[in-house]
């Protein structure tokens, strides 16, 4: 199951989420 999960990754539900910009 672990190998299968690594091969077929779940799509990112928040593809447009900005993790780099300053939140302040």
PDBML (XML) file of the C-alpha atoms, coordinates in Angstrom:
<?xml version="1.0" encoding="UTF-8" ?>
<PDBx:datablock datablockName="MODEL"
   xmlns:PDBx="http://pdbml.pdb.org/schema/pdbx-v50.xsd"
   xmlns:xsi="http://www.w3.org/2001/XMLSchema-instance"
   xsi:schemaLocation="http://pdbml.pdb.org/schema/pdbx-v50.xsd pdbx-v50.xsd">
   <PDBx:atom_siteCategory>
      <PDBx:atom_site id="1">
         <PDBx:B_iso_or_equiv>0.00</PDBx:B_iso_or_equiv>
         <PDBx:Cartn_x>0.000</PDBx:Cartn_x>
         <PDBx:Cartn_y>0.000</PDBx:Cartn_y>
         <PDBx:Cartn_z>0.000</PDBx:Cartn_z>
         <PDBx:auth_asym_id>A</PDBx:auth_asym_id>
         <PDBx:auth_atom_id>CA</PDBx:auth_atom_id>
         <PDBx:auth_comp_id>UNK</PDBx:auth_comp_id>
         <PDBx:auth_seq_id>1</PDBx:auth_seq_id>
         <PDBx:group_PDB>ATOM</PDBx:group_PDB>
         <PDBx:label_alt_id xsi:nil="true" />
         <PDBx:label_asym_id>A</PDBx:label_asym_id>
         <PDBx:label_atom_id>CA</PDBx:label_atom_id>
         <PDBx:label_comp_id>UNK</PDBx:label_comp_id>
         <PDBx:label_entity_id>1</PDBx:label_entity_id>
         <PDBx:label_seq_id>1</PDBx:label_seq_id>
         <PDBx:occupancy>1.00</PDBx:occupancy>
         <PDBx:pdbx_PDB_model_num>1</PDBx:pdbx_PDB_model_num>
         <PDBx:type_symbol>C</PDBx:type_symbol>
      </PDBx:atom_site>
      <PDBx:atom_site id="2">
         <PDBx:B_iso_or_equiv>0.00</PDBx:B_iso_or_equiv>
         <PDBx:Cartn_x>2.869</PDBx:Cartn_x>
         <PDBx:Cartn_y>2.368</PDBx:Cartn_y>
         <PDBx:Cartn_z>0.835</PDBx:Cartn_z>
         <PDBx:auth_asym_id>A</PDBx:auth_asym_id>
         <PDBx:auth_atom_id>CA</PDBx:auth_atom_id>
         <PDBx:auth_comp_id>UNK</PDBx:auth_comp_id>
         <PDBx:auth_seq_id>2</PDBx:auth_seq_id>
         <PDBx:group_PDB>ATOM</PDBx:group_PDB>
         <PDBx:label_alt_id xsi:nil="true" />
         <PDBx:label_asym_id>A</PDBx:label_asym_id>
         <PDBx:label_atom_id>CA</PDBx:label_atom_id>
         <PDBx:label_comp_id>UNK</PDBx:label_comp_id>
         <PDBx:label_entity_id>1</PDBx:label_entity_id>
         <PDBx:label_seq_id>2</PDBx:label_seq_id>
         <PDBx:occupancy>1.00</PDBx:occupancy>
         <PDBx:pdbx_PDB_model_num>1</PDBx:pdbx_PDB_model_num>
         <PDBx:type_symbol>C</PDBx:type_symbol>
      </PDBx:atom_site>
      <PDBx:atom_site id="3">
         <PDBx:B_iso_or_equiv>0.00</PDBx:B_iso_or_equiv>
         <PDBx:Cartn_x>4.570</PDBx:Cartn_x>
         <PDBx:Cartn_y>1.663</PDBx:Cartn_y>
         <PDBx:Cartn_z>-2.509</PDBx:Cartn_z>
         <PDBx:auth_asym_id>A</PDBx:auth_asym_id>
         <PDBx:auth_atom_id>CA</PDBx:auth_atom_id>
         <PDBx:auth_comp_id>UNK</PDBx:auth_comp_id>
         <PDBx:auth_seq_id>3</PDBx:auth_seq_id>
         <PDBx:group_PDB>ATOM</PDBx:group_PDB>
         <PDBx:label_alt_id xsi:nil="true" />
         <PDBx:label_asym_id>A</PDBx:label_asym_id>
         <PDBx:label_atom_id>CA</PDBx:label_atom_id>
         <PDBx:label_comp_id>UNK</PDBx:label_comp_id>
         <PDBx:label_entity_id>1</PDBx:label_entity_id>
         <PDBx:label_seq_id>3</PDBx:label_seq_id>
         <PDBx:occupancy>1.00</PDBx:occupancy>
         <PDBx:pdbx_PDB_model_num>1</PDBx:pdbx_PDB_model_num>
         <PDBx:type_symbol>C</PDBx:type_symbol>
      </PDBx:atom_site>
      <PDBx:atom_site id="4">
         <PDBx:B_iso_or_equiv>0.00</PDBx:B_iso_or_equiv>
         <PDBx:Cartn_x>1.293</PDBx:Cartn_x>
         <PDBx:Cartn_y>2.150</PDBx:Cartn_y>
         <PDBx:Cartn_z>-4.335</PDBx:Cartn_z>
         <PDBx:auth_asym_id>A</PDBx:auth_asym_id>
         <PDBx:auth_atom_id>CA</PDBx:auth_atom_id>
         <PDBx:auth_comp_id>UNK</PDBx:auth_comp_id>
         <PDBx:auth_seq_id>4</PDBx:auth_seq_id>
         <PDBx:group_PDB>ATOM</PDBx:group_PDB>
         <PDBx:label_alt_id xsi:nil="true" />
         <PDBx:label_asym_id>A</PDBx:label_asym_id>
         <PDBx:label_atom_id>CA</PDBx:label_atom_id>
         <PDBx:label_comp_id>UNK</PDBx:label_comp_id>
         <PDBx:label_entity_id>1</PDBx:label_entity_id>
         <PDBx:label_seq_id>4</PDBx:label_seq_id>
         <PDBx:occupancy>1.00</PDBx:occupancy>
         <PDBx:pdbx_PDB_model_num>1</PDBx:pdbx_PDB_model_num>
         <PDBx:type_symbol>C</PDBx:type_symbol>
      </PDBx:atom_site>
      <PDBx:atom_site id="5">
         <PDBx:B_iso_or_equiv>0.00</PDBx:B_iso_or_equiv>
         <PDBx:Cartn_x>0.720</PDBx:Cartn_x>
         <PDBx:Cartn_y>5.481</PDBx:Cartn_y>
         <PDBx:Cartn_z>-2.572</PDBx:Cartn_z>
         <PDBx:auth_asym_id>A</PDBx:auth_asym_id>
         <PDBx:auth_atom_id>CA</PDBx:auth_atom_id>
         <PDBx:auth_comp_id>UNK</PDBx:auth_comp_id>
         <PDBx:auth_seq_id>5</PDBx:auth_seq_id>
         <PDBx:group_PDB>ATOM</PDBx:group_PDB>
         <PDBx:label_alt_id xsi:nil="true" />
         <PDBx:label_asym_id>A</PDBx:label_asym_id>
         <PDBx:label_atom_id>CA</PDBx:label_atom_id>
         <PDBx:label_comp_id>UNK</PDBx:label_comp_id>
         <PDBx:label_entity_id>1</PDBx:label_entity_id>
         <PDBx:label_seq_id>5</PDBx:label_seq_id>
         <PDBx:occupancy>1.00</PDBx:occupancy>
         <PDBx:pdbx_PDB_model_num>1</PDBx:pdbx_PDB_model_num>
         <PDBx:type_symbol>C</PDBx:type_symbol>
      </PDBx:atom_site>
      <PDBx:atom_site id="6">
         <PDBx:B_iso_or_equiv>0.00</PDBx:B_iso_or_equiv>
         <PDBx:Cartn_x>4.214</PDBx:Cartn_x>
         <PDBx:Cartn_y>6.667</PDBx:Cartn_y>
         <PDBx:Cartn_z>-3.520</PDBx:Cartn_z>
         <PDBx:auth_asym_id>A</PDBx:auth_asym_id>
         <PDBx:auth_atom_id>CA</PDBx:auth_atom_id>
         <PDBx:auth_comp_id>UNK</PDBx:auth_comp_id>
         <PDBx:auth_seq_id>6</PDBx:auth_seq_id>
         <PDBx:group_PDB>ATOM</PDBx:group_PDB>
         <PDBx:label_alt_id xsi:nil="true" />
         <PDBx:label_asym_id>A</PDBx:label_asym_id>
         <PDBx:label_atom_id>CA</PDBx:label_atom_id>
         <PDBx:label_comp_id>UNK</PDBx:label_comp_id>
         <PDBx:label_entity_id>1</PDBx:label_entity_id>
         <PDBx:label_seq_id>6</PDBx:label_seq_id>
         <PDBx:occupancy>1.00</PDBx:occupancy>
         <PDBx:pdbx_PDB_model_num>1</PDBx:pdbx_PDB_model_num>
         <PDBx:type_symbol>C</PDBx:type_symbol>
      </PDBx:atom_site>
      <PDBx:atom_site id="7">
         <PDBx:B_iso_or_equiv>0.00</PDBx:B_iso_or_equiv>
         <PDBx:Cartn_x>3.694</PDBx:Cartn_x>
         <PDBx:Cartn_y>5.742</PDBx:Cartn_y>
         <PDBx:Cartn_z>-7.161</PDBx:Cartn_z>
         <PDBx:auth_asym_id>A</PDBx:auth_asym_id>
         <PDBx:auth_atom_id>CA</PDBx:auth_atom_id>
         <PDBx:auth_comp_id>UNK</PDBx:auth_comp_id>
         <PDBx:auth_seq_id>7</PDBx:auth_seq_id>
         <PDBx:group_PDB>ATOM</PDBx:group_PDB>
         <PDBx:label_alt_id xsi:nil="true" />
         <PDBx:label_asym_id>A</PDBx:label_asym_id>
         <PDBx:label_atom_id>CA</PDBx:label_atom_id>
         <PDBx:label_comp_id>UNK</PDBx:label_comp_id>
         <PDBx:label_entity_id>1</PDBx:label_entity_id>
         <PDBx:label_seq_id>7</PDBx:label_seq_id>
         <PDBx:occupancy>1.00</PDBx:occupancy>
         <PDBx:pdbx_PDB_model_num>1</PDBx:pdbx_PDB_model_num>
         <PDBx:type_symbol>C</PDBx:type_symbol>
      </PDBx:atom_site>
      <PDBx:atom_site id="8">
         <PDBx:B_iso_or_equiv>0.00</PDBx:B_iso_or_equiv>
         <PDBx:Cartn_x>0.191</PDBx:Cartn_x>
         <PDBx:Cartn_y>7.211</PDBx:Cartn_y>
         <PDBx:Cartn_z>-7.523</PDBx:Cartn_z>
         <PDBx:auth_asym_id>A</PDBx:auth_asym_id>
         <PDBx:auth_atom_id>CA</PDBx:auth_atom_id>
         <PDBx:auth_comp_id>UNK</PDBx:auth_comp_id>
         <PDBx:auth_seq_id>8</PDBx:auth_seq_id>
         <PDBx:group_PDB>ATOM</PDBx:group_PDB>
         <PDBx:label_alt_id xsi:nil="true" />
         <PDBx:label_asym_id>A</PDBx:label_asym_id>
         <PDBx:label_atom_id>CA</PDBx:label_atom_id>
         <PDBx:label_comp_id>UNK</PDBx:label_comp_id>
         <PDBx:label_entity_id>1</PDBx:label_entity_id>
         <PDBx:label_seq_id>8</PDBx:label_seq_id>
         <PDBx:occupancy>1.00</PDBx:occupancy>
         <PDBx:pdbx_PDB_model_num>1</PDBx:pdbx_PDB_model_num>
         <PDBx:type_symbol>C</PDBx:type_symbol>
      </PDBx:atom_site>
      <PDBx:atom_site id="9">
         <PDBx:B_iso_or_equiv>0.00</PDBx:B_iso_or_equiv>
         <PDBx:Cartn_x>0.348</PDBx:Cartn_x>
         <PDBx:Cartn_y>10.410</PDBx:Cartn_y>
         <PDBx:Cartn_z>-5.432</PDBx:Cartn_z>
         <PDBx:auth_asym_id>A</PDBx:auth_asym_id>
         <PDBx:auth_atom_id>CA</PDBx:auth_atom_id>
         <PDBx:auth_comp_id>UNK</PDBx:auth_comp_id>
         <PDBx:auth_seq_id>9</PDBx:auth_seq_id>
         <PDBx:group_PDB>ATOM</PDBx:group_PDB>
         <PDBx:label_alt_id xsi:nil="true" />
         <PDBx:label_asym_id>A</PDBx:label_asym_id>
         <PDBx:label_atom_id>CA</PDBx:label_atom_id>
         <PDBx:label_comp_id>UNK</PDBx:label_comp_id>
         <PDBx:label_entity_id>1</PDBx:label_entity_id>
         <PDBx:label_seq_id>9</PDBx:label_seq_id>
         <PDBx:occupancy>1.00</PDBx:occupancy>
         <PDBx:pdbx_PDB_model_num>1</PDBx:pdbx_PDB_model_num>
         <PDBx:type_symbol>C</PDBx:type_symbol>
      </PDBx:atom_site>
      <PDBx:atom_site id="10">
         <PDBx:B_iso_or_equiv>0.00</PDBx:B_iso_or_equiv>
         <PDBx:Cartn_x>-2.896</PDBx:Cartn_x>
         <PDBx:Cartn_y>12.116</PDBx:Cartn_y>
         <PDBx:Cartn_z>-4.502</PDBx:Cartn_z>
         <PDBx:auth_asym_id>A</PDBx:auth_asym_id>
         <PDBx:auth_atom_id>CA</PDBx:auth_atom_id>
         <PDBx:auth_comp_id>UNK</PDBx:auth_comp_id>
         <PDBx:auth_seq_id>10</PDBx:auth_seq_id>
         <PDBx:group_PDB>ATOM</PDBx:group_PDB>
         <PDBx:label_alt_id xsi:nil="true" />
         <PDBx:label_asym_id>A</PDBx:label_asym_id>
         <PDBx:label_atom_id>CA</PDBx:label_atom_id>
         <PDBx:label_comp_id>UNK</PDBx:label_comp_id>
         <PDBx:label_entity_id>1</PDBx:label_entity_id>
         <PDBx:label_seq_id>10</PDBx:label_seq_id>
         <PDBx:occupancy>1.00</PDBx:occupancy>
         <PDBx:pdbx_PDB_model_num>1</PDBx:pdbx_PDB_model_num>
         <PDBx:type_symbol>C</PDBx:type_symbol>
      </PDBx:atom_site>
      <PDBx:atom_site id="11">
         <PDBx:B_iso_or_equiv>0.00</PDBx:B_iso_or_equiv>
         <PDBx:Cartn_x>-3.348</PDBx:Cartn_x>
         <PDBx:Cartn_y>15.400</PDBx:Cartn_y>
         <PDBx:Cartn_z>-6.392</PDBx:Cartn_z>
         <PDBx:auth_asym_id>A</PDBx:auth_asym_id>
         <PDBx:auth_atom_id>CA</PDBx:auth_atom_id>
         <PDBx:auth_comp_id>UNK</PDBx:auth_comp_id>
         <PDBx:auth_seq_id>11</PDBx:auth_seq_id>
         <PDBx:group_PDB>ATOM</PDBx:group_PDB>
         <PDBx:label_alt_id xsi:nil="true" />
         <PDBx:label_asym_id>A</PDBx:label_asym_id>
         <PDBx:label_atom_id>CA</PDBx:label_atom_id>
         <PDBx:label_comp_id>UNK</PDBx:label_comp_id>
         <PDBx:label_entity_id>1</PDBx:label_entity_id>
         <PDBx:label_seq_id>11</PDBx:label_seq_id>
         <PDBx:occupancy>1.00</PDBx:occupancy>
         <PDBx:pdbx_PDB_model_num>1</PDBx:pdbx_PDB_model_num>
         <PDBx:type_symbol>C</PDBx:type_symbol>
      </PDBx:atom_site>
      <PDBx:atom_site id="12">
         <PDBx:B_iso_or_equiv>0.00</PDBx:B_iso_or_equiv>
         <PDBx:Cartn_x>-2.738</PDBx:Cartn_x>
         <PDBx:Cartn_y>18.531</PDBx:Cartn_y>
         <PDBx:Cartn_z>-4.319</PDBx:Cartn_z>
         <PDBx:auth_asym_id>A</PDBx:auth_asym_id>
         <PDBx:auth_atom_id>CA</PDBx:auth_atom_id>
         <PDBx:auth_comp_id>UNK</PDBx:auth_comp_id>
         <PDBx:auth_seq_id>12</PDBx:auth_seq_id>
         <PDBx:group_PDB>ATOM</PDBx:group_PDB>
         <PDBx:label_alt_id xsi:nil="true" />
         <PDBx:label_asym_id>A</PDBx:label_asym_id>
         <PDBx:label_atom_id>CA</PDBx:label_atom_id>
         <PDBx:label_comp_id>UNK</PDBx:label_comp_id>
         <PDBx:label_entity_id>1</PDBx:label_entity_id>
         <PDBx:label_seq_id>12</PDBx:label_seq_id>
         <PDBx:occupancy>1.00</PDBx:occupancy>
         <PDBx:pdbx_PDB_model_num>1</PDBx:pdbx_PDB_model_num>
         <PDBx:type_symbol>C</PDBx:type_symbol>
      </PDBx:atom_site>
      <PDBx:atom_site id="13">
         <PDBx:B_iso_or_equiv>0.00</PDBx:B_iso_or_equiv>
         <PDBx:Cartn_x>-6.218</PDBx:Cartn_x>
         <PDBx:Cartn_y>19.781</PDBx:Cartn_y>
         <PDBx:Cartn_z>-3.299</PDBx:Cartn_z>
         <PDBx:auth_asym_id>A</PDBx:auth_asym_id>
         <PDBx:auth_atom_id>CA</PDBx:auth_atom_id>
         <PDBx:auth_comp_id>UNK</PDBx:auth_comp_id>
         <PDBx:auth_seq_id>13</PDBx:auth_seq_id>
         <PDBx:group_PDB>ATOM</PDBx:group_PDB>
         <PDBx:label_alt_id xsi:nil="true" />
         <PDBx:label_asym_id>A</PDBx:label_asym_id>
         <PDBx:label_atom_id>CA</PDBx:label_atom_id>
         <PDBx:label_comp_id>UNK</PDBx:label_comp_id>
         <PDBx:label_entity_id>1</PDBx:label_entity_id>
         <PDBx:label_seq_id>13</PDBx:label_seq_id>
         <PDBx:occupancy>1.00</PDBx:occupancy>
         <PDBx:pdbx_PDB_model_num>1</PDBx:pdbx_PDB_model_num>
         <PDBx:type_symbol>C</PDBx:type_symbol>
      </PDBx:atom_site>
      <PDBx:atom_site id="14">
         <PDBx:B_iso_or_equiv>0.00</PDBx:B_iso_or_equiv>
         <PDBx:Cartn_x>-4.838</PDBx:Cartn_x>
         <PDBx:Cartn_y>23.362</PDBx:Cartn_y>
         <PDBx:Cartn_z>-3.016</PDBx:Cartn_z>
         <PDBx:auth_asym_id>A</PDBx:auth_asym_id>
         <PDBx:auth_atom_id>CA</PDBx:auth_atom_id>
         <PDBx:auth_comp_id>UNK</PDBx:auth_comp_id>
         <PDBx:auth_seq_id>14</PDBx:auth_seq_id>
         <PDBx:group_PDB>ATOM</PDBx:group_PDB>
         <PDBx:label_alt_id xsi:nil="true" />
         <PDBx:label_asym_id>A</PDBx:label_asym_id>
         <PDBx:label_atom_id>CA</PDBx:label_atom_id>
         <PDBx:label_comp_id>UNK</PDBx:label_comp_id>
         <PDBx:label_entity_id>1</PDBx:label_entity_id>
         <PDBx:label_seq_id>14</PDBx:label_seq_id>
         <PDBx:occupancy>1.00</PDBx:occupancy>
         <PDBx:pdbx_PDB_model_num>1</PDBx:pdbx_PDB_model_num>
         <PDBx:type_symbol>C</PDBx:type_symbol>
      </PDBx:atom_site>
      <PDBx:atom_site id="15">
         <PDBx:B_iso_or_equiv>0.00</PDBx:B_iso_or_equiv>
         <PDBx:Cartn_x>-2.600</PDBx:Cartn_x>
         <PDBx:Cartn_y>23.820</PDBx:Cartn_y>
         <PDBx:Cartn_z>-6.083</PDBx:Cartn_z>
         <PDBx:auth_asym_id>A</PDBx:auth_asym_id>
         <PDBx:auth_atom_id>CA</PDBx:auth_atom_id>
         <PDBx:auth_comp_id>UNK</PDBx:auth_comp_id>
         <PDBx:auth_seq_id>15</PDBx:auth_seq_id>
         <PDBx:group_PDB>ATOM</PDBx:group_PDB>
         <PDBx:label_alt_id xsi:nil="true" />
         <PDBx:label_asym_id>A</PDBx:label_asym_id>
         <PDBx:label_atom_id>CA</PDBx:label_atom_id>
         <PDBx:label_comp_id>UNK</PDBx:label_comp_id>
         <PDBx:label_entity_id>1</PDBx:label_entity_id>
         <PDBx:label_seq_id>15</PDBx:label_seq_id>
         <PDBx:occupancy>1.00</PDBx:occupancy>
         <PDBx:pdbx_PDB_model_num>1</PDBx:pdbx_PDB_model_num>
         <PDBx:type_symbol>C</PDBx:type_symbol>
      </PDBx:atom_site>
      <PDBx:atom_site id="16">
         <PDBx:B_iso_or_equiv>0.00</PDBx:B_iso_or_equiv>
         <PDBx:Cartn_x>-2.747</PDBx:Cartn_x>
         <PDBx:Cartn_y>27.612</PDBx:Cartn_y>
         <PDBx:Cartn_z>-5.881</PDBx:Cartn_z>
         <PDBx:auth_asym_id>A</PDBx:auth_asym_id>
         <PDBx:auth_atom_id>CA</PDBx:auth_atom_id>
         <PDBx:auth_comp_id>UNK</PDBx:auth_comp_id>
         <PDBx:auth_seq_id>16</PDBx:auth_seq_id>
         <PDBx:group_PDB>ATOM</PDBx:group_PDB>
         <PDBx:label_alt_id xsi:nil="true" />
         <PDBx:label_asym_id>A</PDBx:label_asym_id>
         <PDBx:label_atom_id>CA</PDBx:label_atom_id>
         <PDBx:label_comp_id>UNK</PDBx:label_comp_id>
         <PDBx:label_entity_id>1</PDBx:label_entity_id>
         <PDBx:label_seq_id>16</PDBx:label_seq_id>
         <PDBx:occupancy>1.00</PDBx:occupancy>
         <PDBx:pdbx_PDB_model_num>1</PDBx:pdbx_PDB_model_num>
         <PDBx:type_symbol>C</PDBx:type_symbol>
      </PDBx:atom_site>
      <PDBx:atom_site id="17">
         <PDBx:B_iso_or_equiv>0.00</PDBx:B_iso_or_equiv>
         <PDBx:Cartn_x>-1.758</PDBx:Cartn_x>
         <PDBx:Cartn_y>27.860</PDBx:Cartn_y>
         <PDBx:Cartn_z>-2.223</PDBx:Cartn_z>
         <PDBx:auth_asym_id>A</PDBx:auth_asym_id>
         <PDBx:auth_atom_id>CA</PDBx:auth_atom_id>
         <PDBx:auth_comp_id>UNK</PDBx:auth_comp_id>
         <PDBx:auth_seq_id>17</PDBx:auth_seq_id>
         <PDBx:group_PDB>ATOM</PDBx:group_PDB>
         <PDBx:label_alt_id xsi:nil="true" />
         <PDBx:label_asym_id>A</PDBx:label_asym_id>
         <PDBx:label_atom_id>CA</PDBx:label_atom_id>
         <PDBx:label_comp_id>UNK</PDBx:label_comp_id>
         <PDBx:label_entity_id>1</PDBx:label_entity_id>
         <PDBx:label_seq_id>17</PDBx:label_seq_id>
         <PDBx:occupancy>1.00</PDBx:occupancy>
         <PDBx:pdbx_PDB_model_num>1</PDBx:pdbx_PDB_model_num>
         <PDBx:type_symbol>C</PDBx:type_symbol>
      </PDBx:atom_site>
      <PDBx:atom_site id="18">
         <PDBx:B_iso_or_equiv>0.00</PDBx:B_iso_or_equiv>
         <PDBx:Cartn_x>1.185</PDBx:Cartn_x>
         <PDBx:Cartn_y>30.261</PDBx:Cartn_y>
         <PDBx:Cartn_z>-1.833</PDBx:Cartn_z>
         <PDBx:auth_asym_id>A</PDBx:auth_asym_id>
         <PDBx:auth_atom_id>CA</PDBx:auth_atom_id>
         <PDBx:auth_comp_id>UNK</PDBx:auth_comp_id>
         <PDBx:auth_seq_id>18</PDBx:auth_seq_id>
         <PDBx:group_PDB>ATOM</PDBx:group_PDB>
         <PDBx:label_alt_id xsi:nil="true" />
         <PDBx:label_asym_id>A</PDBx:label_asym_id>
         <PDBx:label_atom_id>CA</PDBx:label_atom_id>
         <PDBx:label_comp_id>UNK</PDBx:label_comp_id>
         <PDBx:label_entity_id>1</PDBx:label_entity_id>
         <PDBx:label_seq_id>18</PDBx:label_seq_id>
         <PDBx:occupancy>1.00</PDBx:occupancy>
         <PDBx:pdbx_PDB_model_num>1</PDBx:pdbx_PDB_model_num>
         <PDBx:type_symbol>C</PDBx:type_symbol>
      </PDBx:atom_site>
      <PDBx:atom_site id="19">
         <PDBx:B_iso_or_equiv>0.00</PDBx:B_iso_or_equiv>
         <PDBx:Cartn_x>3.663</PDBx:Cartn_x>
         <PDBx:Cartn_y>28.897</PDBx:Cartn_y>
         <PDBx:Cartn_z>0.702</PDBx:Cartn_z>
         <PDBx:auth_asym_id>A</PDBx:auth_asym_id>
         <PDBx:auth_atom_id>CA</PDBx:auth_atom_id>
         <PDBx:auth_comp_id>UNK</PDBx:auth_comp_id>
         <PDBx:auth_seq_id>19</PDBx:auth_seq_id>
         <PDBx:group_PDB>ATOM</PDBx:group_PDB>
         <PDBx:label_alt_id xsi:nil="true" />
         <PDBx:label_asym_id>A</PDBx:label_asym_id>
         <PDBx:label_atom_id>CA</PDBx:label_atom_id>
         <PDBx:label_comp_id>UNK</PDBx:label_comp_id>
         <PDBx:label_entity_id>1</PDBx:label_entity_id>
         <PDBx:label_seq_id>19</PDBx:label_seq_id>
         <PDBx:occupancy>1.00</PDBx:occupancy>
         <PDBx:pdbx_PDB_model_num>1</PDBx:pdbx_PDB_model_num>
         <PDBx:type_symbol>C</PDBx:type_symbol>
      </PDBx:atom_site>
      <PDBx:atom_site id="20">
         <PDBx:B_iso_or_equiv>0.00</PDBx:B_iso_or_equiv>
         <PDBx:Cartn_x>6.449</PDBx:Cartn_x>
         <PDBx:Cartn_y>31.379</PDBx:Cartn_y>
         <PDBx:Cartn_z>-0.062</PDBx:Cartn_z>
         <PDBx:auth_asym_id>A</PDBx:auth_asym_id>
         <PDBx:auth_atom_id>CA</PDBx:auth_atom_id>
         <PDBx:auth_comp_id>UNK</PDBx:auth_comp_id>
         <PDBx:auth_seq_id>20</PDBx:auth_seq_id>
         <PDBx:group_PDB>ATOM</PDBx:group_PDB>
         <PDBx:label_alt_id xsi:nil="true" />
         <PDBx:label_asym_id>A</PDBx:label_asym_id>
         <PDBx:label_atom_id>CA</PDBx:label_atom_id>
         <PDBx:label_comp_id>UNK</PDBx:label_comp_id>
         <PDBx:label_entity_id>1</PDBx:label_entity_id>
         <PDBx:label_seq_id>20</PDBx:label_seq_id>
         <PDBx:occupancy>1.00</PDBx:occupancy>
         <PDBx:pdbx_PDB_model_num>1</PDBx:pdbx_PDB_model_num>
         <PDBx:type_symbol>C</PDBx:type_symbol>
      </PDBx:atom_site>
      <PDBx:atom_site id="21">
         <PDBx:B_iso_or_equiv>0.00</PDBx:B_iso_or_equiv>
         <PDBx:Cartn_x>5.001</PDBx:Cartn_x>
         <PDBx:Cartn_y>34.851</PDBx:Cartn_y>
         <PDBx:Cartn_z>0.336</PDBx:Cartn_z>
         <PDBx:auth_asym_id>A</PDBx:auth_asym_id>
         <PDBx:auth_atom_id>CA</PDBx:auth_atom_id>
         <PDBx:auth_comp_id>UNK</PDBx:auth_comp_id>
         <PDBx:auth_seq_id>21</PDBx:auth_seq_id>
         <PDBx:group_PDB>ATOM</PDBx:group_PDB>
         <PDBx:label_alt_id xsi:nil="true" />
         <PDBx:label_asym_id>A</PDBx:label_asym_id>
         <PDBx:label_atom_id>CA</PDBx:label_atom_id>
         <PDBx:label_comp_id>UNK</PDBx:label_comp_id>
         <PDBx:label_entity_id>1</PDBx:label_entity_id>
         <PDBx:label_seq_id>21</PDBx:label_seq_id>
         <PDBx:occupancy>1.00</PDBx:occupancy>
         <PDBx:pdbx_PDB_model_num>1</PDBx:pdbx_PDB_model_num>
         <PDBx:type_symbol>C</PDBx:type_symbol>
      </PDBx:atom_site>
      <PDBx:atom_site id="22">
         <PDBx:B_iso_or_equiv>0.00</PDBx:B_iso_or_equiv>
         <PDBx:Cartn_x>5.260</PDBx:Cartn_x>
         <PDBx:Cartn_y>36.698</PDBx:Cartn_y>
         <PDBx:Cartn_z>3.660</PDBx:Cartn_z>
         <PDBx:auth_asym_id>A</PDBx:auth_asym_id>
         <PDBx:auth_atom_id>CA</PDBx:auth_atom_id>
         <PDBx:auth_comp_id>UNK</PDBx:auth_comp_id>
         <PDBx:auth_seq_id>22</PDBx:auth_seq_id>
         <PDBx:group_PDB>ATOM</PDBx:group_PDB>
         <PDBx:label_alt_id xsi:nil="true" />
         <PDBx:label_asym_id>A</PDBx:label_asym_id>
         <PDBx:label_atom_id>CA</PDBx:label_atom_id>
         <PDBx:label_comp_id>UNK</PDBx:label_comp_id>
         <PDBx:label_entity_id>1</PDBx:label_entity_id>
         <PDBx:label_seq_id>22</PDBx:label_seq_id>
         <PDBx:occupancy>1.00</PDBx:occupancy>
         <PDBx:pdbx_PDB_model_num>1</PDBx:pdbx_PDB_model_num>
         <PDBx:type_symbol>C</PDBx:type_symbol>
      </PDBx:atom_site>
      <PDBx:atom_site id="23">
         <PDBx:B_iso_or_equiv>0.00</PDBx:B_iso_or_equiv>
         <PDBx:Cartn_x>2.049</PDBx:Cartn_x>
         <PDBx:Cartn_y>36.273</PDBx:Cartn_y>
         <PDBx:Cartn_z>5.675</PDBx:Cartn_z>
         <PDBx:auth_asym_id>A</PDBx:auth_asym_id>
         <PDBx:auth_atom_id>CA</PDBx:auth_atom_id>
         <PDBx:auth_comp_id>UNK</PDBx:auth_comp_id>
         <PDBx:auth_seq_id>23</PDBx:auth_seq_id>
         <PDBx:group_PDB>ATOM</PDBx:group_PDB>
         <PDBx:label_alt_id xsi:nil="true" />
         <PDBx:label_asym_id>A</PDBx:label_asym_id>
         <PDBx:label_atom_id>CA</PDBx:label_atom_id>
         <PDBx:label_comp_id>UNK</PDBx:label_comp_id>
         <PDBx:label_entity_id>1</PDBx:label_entity_id>
         <PDBx:label_seq_id>23</PDBx:label_seq_id>
         <PDBx:occupancy>1.00</PDBx:occupancy>
         <PDBx:pdbx_PDB_model_num>1</PDBx:pdbx_PDB_model_num>
         <PDBx:type_symbol>C</PDBx:type_symbol>
      </PDBx:atom_site>
      <PDBx:atom_site id="24">
         <PDBx:B_iso_or_equiv>0.00</PDBx:B_iso_or_equiv>
         <PDBx:Cartn_x>2.622</PDBx:Cartn_x>
         <PDBx:Cartn_y>39.508</PDBx:Cartn_y>
         <PDBx:Cartn_z>7.612</PDBx:Cartn_z>
         <PDBx:auth_asym_id>A</PDBx:auth_asym_id>
         <PDBx:auth_atom_id>CA</PDBx:auth_atom_id>
         <PDBx:auth_comp_id>UNK</PDBx:auth_comp_id>
         <PDBx:auth_seq_id>24</PDBx:auth_seq_id>
         <PDBx:group_PDB>ATOM</PDBx:group_PDB>
         <PDBx:label_alt_id xsi:nil="true" />
         <PDBx:label_asym_id>A</PDBx:label_asym_id>
         <PDBx:label_atom_id>CA</PDBx:label_atom_id>
         <PDBx:label_comp_id>UNK</PDBx:label_comp_id>
         <PDBx:label_entity_id>1</PDBx:label_entity_id>
         <PDBx:label_seq_id>24</PDBx:label_seq_id>
         <PDBx:occupancy>1.00</PDBx:occupancy>
         <PDBx:pdbx_PDB_model_num>1</PDBx:pdbx_PDB_model_num>
         <PDBx:type_symbol>C</PDBx:type_symbol>
      </PDBx:atom_site>
   </PDBx:atom_siteCategory>
</PDBx:datablock>
